[in-house]
Amino acid sequence: MNKKSWKTVAGGVVVLGGILYYAIGGTGSDASSVTDPDIPAVEQTLSSGSLELPAPTGGRVVQHGAYVSSYNPKTLIPDWVAYELTADEASVRRERSDTQFKMDPDLRGVTQAMREDYSGSGWTKGHMMPAADAAFSTTAQEETFYFTNVCPQNETLNAGDWQYLEKRVRSWAKRYGSVWVVTGPIVGKNRYGTIGERDVVIPDSFYKALLVRREDGSYSAIAFVMDNDDERYMLKDCSMSINELETLTGIDFFPGLDDRIEEKVESSVKRSDWGIK
């Protein structure tokens, strides 16, 4: 299978996706309303040919310059955020934007978190696609500050082991030329409750699902899960197969792979491919 990003593969459906978004009630306040049942969901449209996009999960999908987010208007956080990070993109260094977090303008009329929901909560605004992964473009980096890319995250985790994992993702992109990334929350038992007047759900943990293509054309995948607390994590201890992550989340990752390849790649982990011992 040729390695192609949704940035190019989905280029022909970007406009169509935008049209379909408004056609299914993108400006309405009821996130589940569909005005025409014969119109396919935007999520299904975007999923065609894009390796990093999971199977549809029922969220409100929004596509930006660097990532696609499946936003859940019930939890007010994304179910997943997906993108392809290339070696060139991972090599760009830029001072982090001082952009403030804000509501996603492409989901007007859909309830979203706001800055005041986080204020004084004790939880940080955790990027699902880190701003550093979008350093190749000022606009792309600013878009990572939309609340469709943000979850309440423990401060120690955000600035510690999770940030370290994000740095490793960039190193893997440089090593393999590209890495497909899916990141998101696991609400679980919702042991931490919610924050703010809008009841933004605090996840129990977070995951990353990663896929690379080796020089010989074969694929390798790995997943990580870290609890949303101040515990310390070794990557080998929080790594798992994609199948194990799918069991935890109920999400079908990398459905764009050929079924035979997907079964082999997702059923086990070759940690040596990722420099994890």
Protein backbone atom coordinates (compact mmCIF):
# COMPACT_ATOMS: atom_id res chain seq x y z
CA MET A 1 0.00 0.00 0.00
CA ASN A 2 1.43 3.39 -0.93
CA LYS A 3 2.06 5.71 1.99
CA LYS A 4 -0.15 8.72 1.53
CA SER A 5 -1.31 11.30 4.01
CA TRP A 6 -4.93 12.44 4.27
CA LYS A 7 -3.49 15.83 3.36
CA THR A 8 -3.11 14.53 -0.19
CA VAL A 9 -5.39 11.50 -0.37
CA ALA A 10 -8.36 13.32 1.06
CA GLY A 11 -7.65 16.45 -0.92
CA GLY A 12 -10.50 15.64 -3.25
CA VAL A 13 -12.97 15.26 -0.41
CA VAL A 14 -11.99 18.23 1.75
CA VAL A 15 -14.50 20.53 0.13
CA LEU A 16 -17.06 17.73 -0.03
CA GLY A 17 -16.48 17.04 3.66
CA GLY A 18 -17.15 20.66 4.50
CA ILE A 19 -20.34 20.64 2.47
CA LEU A 20 -21.51 17.43 4.09
CA TYR A 21 -20.71 18.79 7.54
CA TYR A 22 -23.14 21.63 7.15
CA ALA A 23 -25.61 19.34 5.42
CA ILE A 24 -25.82 17.11 8.49
CA GLY A 25 -26.46 19.95 10.88
CA GLY A 26 -22.99 21.27 11.65
CA THR A 27 -24.37 24.62 12.75
CA GLY A 28 -27.14 23.18 14.92
CA SER A 29 -27.04 22.85 18.67
CA ASP A 30 -28.09 19.21 18.63
CA ALA A 31 -24.91 17.32 17.83
CA SER A 32 -26.74 14.12 16.93
CA SER A 33 -29.26 15.61 14.52
CA VAL A 34 -29.14 14.54 10.88
CA THR A 35 -31.24 16.42 8.37
CA ASP A 36 -30.84 13.88 5.57
CA PRO A 37 -30.23 10.20 6.40
CA ASP A 38 -29.12 9.52 2.83
CA ILE A 39 -26.10 11.80 3.17
CA PRO A 40 -22.99 9.90 4.38
CA ALA A 41 -21.31 11.06 7.57
CA VAL A 42 -18.28 13.29 7.16
CA GLU A 43 -16.31 10.79 9.23
CA GLN A 44 -17.00 8.06 6.70
CA THR A 45 -16.06 10.36 3.82
CA LEU A 46 -12.74 11.34 5.35
CA SER A 47 -11.81 7.78 6.28
CA SER A 48 -11.37 6.70 2.69
CA GLY A 49 -7.70 6.02 1.91
CA SER A 50 -6.24 7.68 5.01
CA LEU A 51 -4.22 5.26 7.12
CA GLU A 52 -4.20 7.31 10.30
CA LEU A 53 -7.98 7.71 10.50
CA PRO A 54 -9.80 5.25 12.78
CA ALA A 55 -13.14 3.75 11.86
CA PRO A 56 -16.12 6.06 12.55
CA THR A 57 -16.95 6.48 16.24
CA GLY A 58 -19.96 8.76 15.92
CA GLY A 59 -18.21 12.01 16.79
CA ARG A 60 -18.36 15.34 15.00
CA VAL A 61 -15.38 15.21 12.67
CA VAL A 62 -13.50 18.39 11.86
CA GLN A 63 -10.48 18.61 9.57
CA HIS A 64 -7.73 21.17 9.98
CA GLY A 65 -4.41 21.79 8.26
CA ALA A 66 -2.45 19.34 10.37
CA TYR A 67 -4.97 17.00 11.98
CA VAL A 68 -8.45 15.50 11.98
CA SER A 69 -10.45 15.47 15.21
CA SER A 70 -13.50 13.40 16.10
CA TYR A 71 -15.10 15.63 18.71
CA ASN A 72 -17.60 14.29 21.22
CA PRO A 73 -20.20 16.96 22.10
CA LYS A 74 -21.33 14.91 25.11
CA THR A 75 -17.95 14.77 26.83
CA LEU A 76 -16.68 18.06 25.33
CA ILE A 77 -13.39 16.42 24.44
CA PRO A 78 -12.25 14.59 21.29
CA ASP A 79 -12.64 10.82 21.02
CA TRP A 80 -9.51 10.85 18.89
CA VAL A 81 -7.18 13.15 16.99
CA ALA A 82 -5.34 11.72 13.98
CA TYR A 83 -2.57 12.92 11.72
CA GLU A 84 0.49 11.87 9.78
CA LEU A 85 3.79 13.36 10.92
CA THR A 86 6.57 13.33 8.34
CA ALA A 87 10.30 13.51 8.97
CA ASP A 88 10.48 16.99 7.48
CA GLU A 89 7.64 18.22 9.68
CA ALA A 90 9.15 16.65 12.79
CA SER A 91 12.47 18.37 12.08
CA VAL A 92 11.04 21.89 12.11
CA ARG A 93 11.65 23.88 15.27
CA ARG A 94 9.58 26.89 16.16
CA GLU A 95 8.91 28.75 19.37
CA ARG A 96 5.59 27.60 20.75
CA SER A 97 2.82 29.97 19.77
CA ASP A 98 1.43 32.21 22.50
CA THR A 99 -2.00 31.61 21.01
CA GLN A 100 -4.75 31.24 23.59
CA PHE A 101 -6.90 28.15 23.68
CA LYS A 102 -10.24 28.73 22.00
CA MET A 103 -13.34 27.11 20.58
CA ASP A 104 -13.10 25.52 17.16
CA PRO A 105 -14.65 27.94 14.64
CA ASP A 106 -15.51 25.02 12.33
CA LEU A 107 -17.97 23.66 14.90
CA ARG A 108 -20.06 26.75 15.40
CA GLY A 109 -23.27 25.97 17.24
CA VAL A 110 -21.83 22.83 18.85
CA THR A 111 -21.18 23.05 22.60
CA GLN A 112 -17.47 23.19 23.34
CA ALA A 113 -15.26 23.72 26.36
CA MET A 114 -14.04 27.22 27.14
CA ARG A 115 -11.00 28.57 28.95
CA GLU A 116 -12.98 29.37 32.07
CA ASP A 117 -13.94 25.69 32.40
CA TYR A 118 -10.27 24.93 33.06
CA SER A 119 -9.55 28.01 35.17
CA GLY A 120 -8.82 27.03 38.77
CA SER A 121 -9.69 23.39 38.09
CA GLY A 122 -6.26 21.98 38.83
CA TRP A 123 -6.14 20.38 35.38
CA THR A 124 -4.05 21.55 32.43
CA LYS A 125 -5.21 21.88 28.84
CA GLY A 126 -3.56 18.86 27.28
CA HIS A 127 -2.95 18.88 23.52
CA MET A 128 -3.79 15.65 21.72
CA MET A 129 -1.72 16.75 18.73
CA PRO A 130 1.11 18.66 20.41
CA ALA A 131 1.83 22.14 19.11
CA ALA A 132 5.41 21.04 18.43
CA ASP A 133 4.17 18.54 15.81
CA ALA A 134 2.62 21.44 13.88
CA ALA A 135 5.67 23.71 14.04
CA PHE A 136 5.96 23.57 10.25
CA SER A 137 3.15 26.13 9.91
CA THR A 138 2.04 29.07 12.03
CA THR A 139 -1.59 28.46 11.11
CA ALA A 140 -1.36 24.72 11.77
CA GLN A 141 0.21 25.34 15.15
CA GLU A 142 -2.47 27.84 16.10
CA GLU A 143 -5.15 25.28 15.19
CA THR A 144 -3.75 22.85 17.76
CA PHE A 145 -5.09 25.25 20.41
CA TYR A 146 -8.71 24.55 19.48
CA PHE A 147 -10.67 22.76 22.19
CA THR A 148 -11.43 19.99 19.69
CA ASN A 149 -7.76 19.04 20.24
CA VAL A 150 -7.70 19.42 24.02
CA CYS A 151 -8.51 17.34 27.13
CA PRO A 152 -8.15 17.98 30.87
CA GLN A 153 -4.77 16.47 31.71
CA ASN A 154 -2.77 16.01 34.89
CA GLU A 155 -0.01 18.64 35.01
CA THR A 156 2.74 16.20 35.95
CA LEU A 157 1.78 13.85 33.13
CA ASN A 158 1.43 16.68 30.62
CA ALA A 159 4.88 18.11 31.33
CA GLY A 160 6.56 14.79 32.04
CA ASP A 161 6.17 11.30 30.62
CA TRP A 162 3.48 12.27 28.11
CA GLN A 163 5.69 15.02 26.75
CA TYR A 164 8.57 12.56 26.55
CA LEU A 165 6.39 10.20 24.51
CA GLU A 166 5.53 13.06 22.17
CA LYS A 167 9.24 13.71 21.64
CA ARG A 168 9.79 10.04 20.88
CA VAL A 169 7.02 10.17 18.27
CA ARG A 170 8.95 12.93 16.48
CA SER A 171 12.11 10.84 16.64
CA TRP A 172 10.27 7.88 15.08
CA ALA A 173 8.97 10.12 12.30
CA LYS A 174 12.56 11.10 11.52
CA ARG A 175 13.73 7.49 11.67
CA TYR A 176 11.06 6.02 9.41
CA GLY A 177 10.26 9.04 7.28
CA SER A 178 6.71 9.22 8.57
CA VAL A 179 4.51 8.05 11.42
CA TRP A 180 0.73 7.80 11.52
CA VAL A 181 -0.57 8.96 14.90
CA VAL A 182 -3.90 8.59 16.67
CA THR A 183 -4.19 10.13 20.14
CA GLY A 184 -7.10 10.43 22.50
CA PRO A 185 -8.63 10.00 25.93
CA ILE A 186 -10.04 6.96 27.65
CA VAL A 187 -12.92 8.16 29.80
CA GLY A 188 -13.18 4.80 31.54
CA LYS A 189 -15.08 4.98 34.82
CA ASN A 190 -14.72 8.78 34.83
CA ARG A 191 -13.21 8.61 38.31
CA TYR A 192 -12.20 12.29 38.19
CA GLY A 193 -15.61 13.65 37.18
CA THR A 194 -15.90 16.89 35.23
CA ILE A 195 -14.70 20.49 35.32
CA GLY A 196 -16.35 23.82 34.65
CA GLU A 197 -19.92 24.95 34.16
CA ARG A 198 -20.10 22.92 30.95
CA ASP A 199 -19.06 19.68 32.67
CA VAL A 200 -16.00 18.92 30.58
CA VAL A 201 -15.22 15.24 31.19
CA ILE A 202 -11.85 14.41 32.73
CA PRO A 203 -10.41 11.22 31.17
CA ASP A 204 -9.12 8.36 33.29
CA SER A 205 -6.19 7.88 30.91
CA PHE A 206 -4.77 8.70 27.47
CA TYR A 207 -3.61 6.61 24.53
CA LYS A 208 -1.45 6.87 21.43
CA ALA A 209 -1.65 4.44 18.53
CA LEU A 210 1.29 4.60 16.12
CA LEU A 211 1.98 3.05 12.74
CA VAL A 212 5.14 3.22 10.61
CA ARG A 213 6.26 1.71 7.35
CA ARG A 214 9.71 0.13 7.34
CA GLU A 215 12.19 0.45 4.48
CA ASP A 216 11.24 -3.02 3.23
CA GLY A 217 7.61 -1.92 2.87
CA SER A 218 6.31 -3.80 5.90
CA TYR A 219 4.44 -2.11 8.72
CA SER A 220 4.98 -1.92 12.46
CA ALA A 221 2.55 -0.61 15.06
CA ILE A 222 2.52 0.07 18.77
CA ALA A 223 0.19 1.63 21.32
CA PHE A 224 0.71 3.36 24.65
CA VAL A 225 -1.65 4.09 27.53
CA MET A 226 -0.87 6.36 30.49
CA ASP A 227 -3.19 7.06 33.39
CA ASN A 228 -4.21 10.66 33.91
CA ASP A 229 -2.28 11.04 37.16
CA ASP A 230 1.14 12.01 38.47
CA GLU A 231 2.64 8.53 38.39
CA ARG A 232 5.84 7.96 36.39
CA TYR A 233 5.87 5.61 33.41
CA MET A 234 8.47 3.65 31.48
CA LEU A 235 7.48 3.25 27.84
CA LYS A 236 8.02 -0.50 27.93
CA ASP A 237 5.56 -0.79 30.81
CA CYS A 238 2.76 1.22 29.20
CA SER A 239 3.18 -0.13 25.66
CA MET A 240 0.84 -2.69 24.14
CA SER A 241 -0.48 -4.03 20.86
CA ILE A 242 -3.06 -2.15 18.82
CA ASN A 243 -5.51 -5.00 19.41
CA GLU A 244 -5.14 -4.54 23.16
CA LEU A 245 -5.80 -0.82 22.80
CA GLU A 246 -8.84 -1.53 20.63
CA THR A 247 -10.22 -3.71 23.42
CA LEU A 248 -9.76 -0.85 25.90
CA THR A 249 -11.25 1.87 23.70
CA GLY A 250 -13.67 0.10 21.37
CA ILE A 251 -12.06 2.00 18.48
CA ASP A 252 -10.91 0.29 15.28
CA PHE A 253 -7.49 1.76 14.50
CA PHE A 254 -5.85 1.77 11.07
CA PRO A 255 -8.76 0.15 9.19
CA GLY A 256 -7.22 1.43 5.95
CA LEU A 257 -4.64 -1.35 6.06
CA ASP A 258 -5.23 -4.48 4.05
CA ASP A 259 -7.05 -6.92 6.35
CA ARG A 260 -4.24 -9.48 6.31
CA ILE A 261 -1.64 -6.84 7.10
CA GLU A 262 -3.83 -5.26 9.75
CA GLU A 263 -4.33 -8.57 11.56
CA LYS A 264 -0.60 -9.26 11.68
CA VAL A 265 0.51 -5.74 12.56
CA GLU A 266 -2.09 -5.12 15.26
CA SER A 267 -1.91 -8.46 17.07
CA SER A 268 1.62 -8.09 18.43
CA VAL A 269 4.33 -5.53 19.18
CA LYS A 270 7.92 -5.62 18.00
CA ARG A 271 9.37 -3.19 20.54
CA SER A 272 12.81 -3.30 18.93
CA ASP A 273 11.32 -1.39 15.98
CA TRP A 274 10.67 1.44 18.42
CA GLY A 275 13.91 1.27 20.38
CA ILE A 276 12.10 0.10 23.50
CA LYS A 277 13.74 -2.56 25.64
